[in-house]
Amino acid sequence: MLYFLIVVAVLLLAYAGVLVSFVRKGRKIPPAAYLVLAALNGLILAAVIAWAIARR
């Protein structure tokens, strides 16, 4: 489970880096990008909660 959390966190950081590069080039962030960010954050939150319950 820890490896899963690490992989998802790296994906989230990479995706955020792509969005930052969009902003630096003067492009607007597409609205669907916010949905992807929310999904990745939700996945991390769900995995952390599941990991905490499993460790109990």
PDB file of N, CA and C in Angstrom:
ATOM      1  N   MET A   1       0.822  -1.188   0.000  1.00  0.00           N
ATOM      2  CA  MET A   1       0.000   0.000   0.000  1.00  0.00           C
ATOM      3  C   MET A   1       0.870   1.257   0.000  1.00  0.00           C
ATOM      4  N   LEU A   2       1.981   1.197   0.689  1.00  0.00           N
ATOM      5  CA  LEU A   2       2.862   2.361   0.728  1.00  0.00           C
ATOM      6  C   LEU A   2       3.394   2.685  -0.657  1.00  0.00           C
ATOM      7  N   TYR A   3       3.731   1.660  -1.429  1.00  0.00           N
ATOM      8  CA  TYR A   3       4.228   1.901  -2.786  1.00  0.00           C
ATOM      9  C   TYR A   3       3.156   2.535  -3.663  1.00  0.00           C
ATOM     10  N   PHE A   4       1.922   2.117  -3.472  1.00  0.00           N
ATOM     11  CA  PHE A   4       0.808   2.702  -4.214  1.00  0.00           C
ATOM     12  C   PHE A   4       0.690   4.195  -3.902  1.00  0.00           C
ATOM     13  N   LEU A   5       0.807   4.532  -2.617  1.00  0.00           N
ATOM     14  CA  LEU A   5       0.737   5.936  -2.215  1.00  0.00           C
ATOM     15  C   LEU A   5       1.873   6.743  -2.843  1.00  0.00           C
ATOM     16  N   ILE A   6       3.052   6.162  -2.872  1.00  0.00           N
ATOM     17  CA  ILE A   6       4.200   6.857  -3.460  1.00  0.00           C
ATOM     18  C   ILE A   6       3.990   7.076  -4.951  1.00  0.00           C
ATOM     19  N   VAL A   7       3.496   6.071  -5.644  1.00  0.00           N
ATOM     20  CA  VAL A   7       3.261   6.186  -7.092  1.00  0.00           C
ATOM     21  C   VAL A   7       2.221   7.254  -7.387  1.00  0.00           C
ATOM     22  N   VAL A   8       1.133   7.260  -6.641  1.00  0.00           N
ATOM     23  CA  VAL A   8       0.079   8.251  -6.870  1.00  0.00           C
ATOM     24  C   VAL A   8       0.589   9.660  -6.539  1.00  0.00           C
ATOM     25  N   ALA A   9       1.386   9.780  -5.474  1.00  0.00           N
ATOM     26  CA  ALA A   9       1.939  11.090  -5.125  1.00  0.00           C
ATOM     27  C   ALA A   9       2.881  11.600  -6.214  1.00  0.00           C
ATOM     28  N   VAL A  10       3.686  10.713  -6.787  1.00  0.00           N
ATOM     29  CA  VAL A  10       4.582  11.118  -7.874  1.00  0.00           C
ATOM     30  C   VAL A  10       3.771  11.526  -9.100  1.00  0.00           C
ATOM     31  N   LEU A  11       2.717  10.788  -9.400  1.00  0.00           N
ATOM     32  CA  LEU A  11       1.847  11.159 -10.523  1.00  0.00           C
ATOM     33  C   LEU A  11       1.222  12.533 -10.296  1.00  0.00           C
ATOM     34  N   LEU A  12       0.793  12.793  -9.073  1.00  0.00           N
ATOM     35  CA  LEU A  12       0.186  14.083  -8.757  1.00  0.00           C
ATOM     36  C   LEU A  12       1.197  15.216  -8.923  1.00  0.00           C
ATOM     37  N   LEU A  13       2.421  15.001  -8.451  1.00  0.00           N
ATOM     38  CA  LEU A  13       3.457  16.028  -8.602  1.00  0.00           C
ATOM     39  C   LEU A  13       3.803  16.266 -10.072  1.00  0.00           C
ATOM     40  N   ALA A  14       3.883  15.191 -10.853  1.00  0.00           N
ATOM     41  CA  ALA A  14       4.190  15.340 -12.280  1.00  0.00           C
ATOM     42  C   ALA A  14       3.064  16.098 -12.990  1.00  0.00           C
ATOM     43  N   TYR A  15       1.827  15.759 -12.674  1.00  0.00           N
ATOM     44  CA  TYR A  15       0.692  16.429 -13.303  1.00  0.00           C
ATOM     45  C   TYR A  15       0.649  17.905 -12.916  1.00  0.00           C
ATOM     46  N   ALA A  16       0.944  18.193 -11.646  1.00  0.00           N
ATOM     47  CA  ALA A  16       0.982  19.593 -11.211  1.00  0.00           C
ATOM     48  C   ALA A  16       2.101  20.334 -11.943  1.00  0.00           C
ATOM     49  N   GLY A  17       3.223  19.664 -12.182  1.00  0.00           N
ATOM     50  CA  GLY A  17       4.312  20.278 -12.942  1.00  0.00           C
ATOM     51  C   GLY A  17       3.897  20.615 -14.358  1.00  0.00           C
ATOM     52  N   VAL A  18       3.131  19.736 -14.967  1.00  0.00           N
ATOM     53  CA  VAL A  18       2.633  19.999 -16.324  1.00  0.00           C
ATOM     54  C   VAL A  18       1.710  21.212 -16.321  1.00  0.00           C
ATOM     55  N   LEU A  19       0.841  21.296 -15.317  1.00  0.00           N
ATOM     56  CA  LEU A  19      -0.073  22.439 -15.237  1.00  0.00           C
ATOM     57  C   LEU A  19       0.687  23.737 -14.986  1.00  0.00           C
ATOM     58  N   VAL A  20       1.735  23.683 -14.170  1.00  0.00           N
ATOM     59  CA  VAL A  20       2.543  24.881 -13.932  1.00  0.00           C
ATOM     60  C   VAL A  20       3.223  25.326 -15.217  1.00  0.00           C
ATOM     61  N   SER A  21       3.693  24.368 -16.021  1.00  0.00           N
ATOM     62  CA  SER A  21       4.318  24.740 -17.289  1.00  0.00           C
ATOM     63  C   SER A  21       3.299  25.378 -18.231  1.00  0.00           C
ATOM     64  N   PHE A  22       2.056  24.924 -18.183  1.00  0.00           N
ATOM     65  CA  PHE A  22       0.990  25.546 -18.976  1.00  0.00           C
ATOM     66  C   PHE A  22       0.847  27.011 -18.591  1.00  0.00           C
ATOM     67  N   VAL A  23       0.798  27.266 -17.290  1.00  0.00           N
ATOM     68  CA  VAL A  23       0.594  28.634 -16.801  1.00  0.00           C
ATOM     69  C   VAL A  23       1.783  29.516 -17.171  1.00  0.00           C
ATOM     70  N   ARG A  24       2.982  28.985 -17.053  1.00  0.00           N
ATOM     71  CA  ARG A  24       4.172  29.778 -17.370  1.00  0.00           C
ATOM     72  C   ARG A  24       4.241  30.143 -18.851  1.00  0.00           C
ATOM     73  N   LYS A  25       3.672  29.291 -19.709  1.00  0.00           N
ATOM     74  CA  LYS A  25       3.654  29.584 -21.142  1.00  0.00           C
ATOM     75  C   LYS A  25       2.518  30.531 -21.510  1.00  0.00           C
ATOM     76  N   GLY A  26       1.689  30.887 -20.538  1.00  0.00           N
ATOM     77  CA  GLY A  26       0.596  31.817 -20.783  1.00  0.00           C
ATOM     78  C   GLY A  26      -0.686  31.148 -21.229  1.00  0.00           C
ATOM     79  N   ARG A  27      -0.729  29.835 -21.187  1.00  0.00           N
ATOM     80  CA  ARG A  27      -1.962  29.129 -21.573  1.00  0.00           C
ATOM     81  C   ARG A  27      -2.900  29.029 -20.378  1.00  0.00           C
ATOM     82  N   LYS A  28      -4.184  28.901 -20.693  1.00  0.00           N
ATOM     83  CA  LYS A  28      -5.161  28.683 -19.634  1.00  0.00           C
ATOM     84  C   LYS A  28      -5.234  27.192 -19.324  1.00  0.00           C
ATOM     85  N   ILE A  29      -5.479  26.885 -18.061  1.00  0.00           N
ATOM     86  CA  ILE A  29      -5.639  25.485 -17.655  1.00  0.00           C
ATOM     87  C   ILE A  29      -7.042  25.038 -18.055  1.00  0.00           C
ATOM     88  N   PRO A  30      -7.162  23.911 -18.764  1.00  0.00           N
ATOM     89  CA  PRO A  30      -8.498  23.439 -19.145  1.00  0.00           C
ATOM     90  C   PRO A  30      -9.321  23.027 -17.913  1.00  0.00           C
ATOM     91  N   PRO A  31     -10.620  23.216 -17.966  1.00  0.00           N
ATOM     92  CA  PRO A  31     -11.456  22.858 -16.809  1.00  0.00           C
ATOM     93  C   PRO A  31     -11.359  21.385 -16.422  1.00  0.00           C
ATOM     94  N   ALA A  32     -11.126  20.506 -17.383  1.00  0.00           N
ATOM     95  CA  ALA A  32     -11.014  19.079 -17.068  1.00  0.00           C
ATOM     96  C   ALA A  32      -9.778  18.792 -16.217  1.00  0.00           C
ATOM     97  N   ALA A  33      -8.788  19.666 -16.270  1.00  0.00           N
ATOM     98  CA  ALA A  33      -7.572  19.462 -15.477  1.00  0.00           C
ATOM     99  C   ALA A  33      -7.887  19.515 -13.987  1.00  0.00           C
ATOM    100  N   TYR A  34      -8.834  20.350 -13.616  1.00  0.00           N
ATOM    101  CA  TYR A  34      -9.205  20.427 -12.203  1.00  0.00           C
ATOM    102  C   TYR A  34      -9.879  19.138 -11.745  1.00  0.00           C
ATOM    103  N   LEU A  35     -10.634  18.510 -12.633  1.00  0.00           N
ATOM    104  CA  LEU A  35     -11.259  17.233 -12.282  1.00  0.00           C
ATOM    105  C   LEU A  35     -10.211  16.150 -12.081  1.00  0.00           C
ATOM    106  N   VAL A  36      -9.179  16.142 -12.913  1.00  0.00           N
ATOM    107  CA  VAL A  36      -8.110  15.156 -12.765  1.00  0.00           C
ATOM    108  C   VAL A  36      -7.362  15.393 -11.459  1.00  0.00           C
ATOM    109  N   LEU A  37      -7.071  16.645 -11.134  1.00  0.00           N
ATOM    110  CA  LEU A  37      -6.414  16.949  -9.861  1.00  0.00           C
ATOM    111  C   LEU A  37      -7.276  16.503  -8.681  1.00  0.00           C
ATOM    112  N   ALA A  38      -8.558  16.754  -8.750  1.00  0.00           N
ATOM    113  CA  ALA A  38      -9.456  16.339  -7.677  1.00  0.00           C
ATOM    114  C   ALA A  38      -9.494  14.822  -7.554  1.00  0.00           C
ATOM    115  N   ALA A  39      -9.489  14.121  -8.680  1.00  0.00           N
ATOM    116  CA  ALA A  39      -9.507  12.657  -8.646  1.00  0.00           C
ATOM    117  C   ALA A  39      -8.217  12.105  -8.036  1.00  0.00           C
ATOM    118  N   LEU A  40      -7.078  12.664  -8.414  1.00  0.00           N
ATOM    119  CA  LEU A  40      -5.817  12.198  -7.838  1.00  0.00           C
ATOM    120  C   LEU A  40      -5.746  12.492  -6.340  1.00  0.00           C
ATOM    121  N   ASN A  41      -6.202  13.663  -5.946  1.00  0.00           N
ATOM    122  CA  ASN A  41      -6.223  13.988  -4.510  1.00  0.00           C
ATOM    123  C   ASN A  41      -7.174  13.075  -3.748  1.00  0.00           C
ATOM    124  N   GLY A  42      -8.320  12.786  -4.325  1.00  0.00           N
ATOM    125  CA  GLY A  42      -9.269  11.869  -3.697  1.00  0.00           C
ATOM    126  C   GLY A  42      -8.715  10.469  -3.589  1.00  0.00           C
ATOM    127  N   LEU A  43      -7.975  10.043  -4.606  1.00  0.00           N
ATOM    128  CA  LEU A  43      -7.353   8.724  -4.578  1.00  0.00           C
ATOM    129  C   LEU A  43      -6.317   8.643  -3.467  1.00  0.00           C
ATOM    130  N   ILE A  44      -5.523   9.685  -3.316  1.00  0.00           N
ATOM    131  CA  ILE A  44      -4.537   9.705  -2.231  1.00  0.00           C
ATOM    132  C   ILE A  44      -5.237   9.687  -0.877  1.00  0.00           C
ATOM    133  N   LEU A  45      -6.274  10.495  -0.724  1.00  0.00           N
ATOM    134  CA  LEU A  45      -6.995  10.545   0.541  1.00  0.00           C
ATOM    135  C   LEU A  45      -7.617   9.191   0.881  1.00  0.00           C
ATOM    136  N   ALA A  46      -8.244   8.553  -0.084  1.00  0.00           N
ATOM    137  CA  ALA A  46      -8.854   7.248   0.147  1.00  0.00           C
ATOM    138  C   ALA A  46      -7.790   6.197   0.499  1.00  0.00           C
ATOM    139  N   ALA A  47      -6.646   6.259  -0.172  1.00  0.00           N
ATOM    140  CA  ALA A  47      -5.580   5.291   0.107  1.00  0.00           C
ATOM    141  C   ALA A  47      -4.992   5.506   1.492  1.00  0.00           C
ATOM    142  N   VAL A  48      -4.823   6.763   1.891  1.00  0.00           N
ATOM    143  CA  VAL A  48      -4.292   7.042   3.238  1.00  0.00           C
ATOM    144  C   VAL A  48      -5.266   6.566   4.306  1.00  0.00           C
ATOM    145  N   ILE A  49      -6.548   6.795   4.099  1.00  0.00           N
ATOM    146  CA  ILE A  49      -7.548   6.341   5.072  1.00  0.00           C
ATOM    147  C   ILE A  49      -7.564   4.809   5.128  1.00  0.00           C
ATOM    148  N   ALA A  50      -7.527   4.154   3.974  1.00  0.00           N
ATOM    149  CA  ALA A  50      -7.513   2.684   3.953  1.00  0.00           C
ATOM    150  C   ALA A  50      -6.246   2.141   4.613  1.00  0.00           C
ATOM    151  N   TRP A  51      -5.126   2.791   4.387  1.00  0.00           N
ATOM    152  CA  TRP A  51      -3.869   2.364   4.977  1.00  0.00           C
ATOM    153  C   TRP A  51      -3.913   2.526   6.496  1.00  0.00           C
ATOM    154  N   ALA A  52      -4.486   3.637   6.971  1.00  0.00           N
ATOM    155  CA  ALA A  52      -4.584   3.870   8.409  1.00  0.00           C
ATOM    156  C   ALA A  52      -5.492   2.857   9.066  1.00  0.00           C
ATOM    157  N   ILE A  53      -6.585   2.517   8.403  1.00  0.00           N
ATOM    158  CA  ILE A  53      -7.513   1.513   8.965  1.00  0.00           C
ATOM    159  C   ILE A  53      -6.853   0.144   8.969  1.00  0.00           C
ATOM    160  N   ALA A  54      -6.098  -0.193   7.936  1.00  0.00           N
ATOM    161  CA  ALA A  54      -5.454  -1.497   7.850  1.00  0.00           C
ATOM    162  C   ALA A  54      -4.363  -1.646   8.908  1.00  0.00           C
ATOM    163  N   ARG A  55      -3.700  -0.562   9.245  1.00  0.00           N
ATOM    164  CA  ARG A  55      -2.643  -0.627  10.255  1.00  0.00           C
ATOM    165  C   ARG A  55      -3.182  -0.771  11.669  1.00  0.00           C
ATOM    166  N   ARG A  56      -4.424  -0.451  11.864  1.00  0.00           N
ATOM    167  CA  ARG A  56      -5.061  -0.463  13.172  1.00  0.00           C
ATOM    168  C   ARG A  56      -5.181  -1.803  13.713  1.00  0.00           C
TER     169      ARG A  56
END
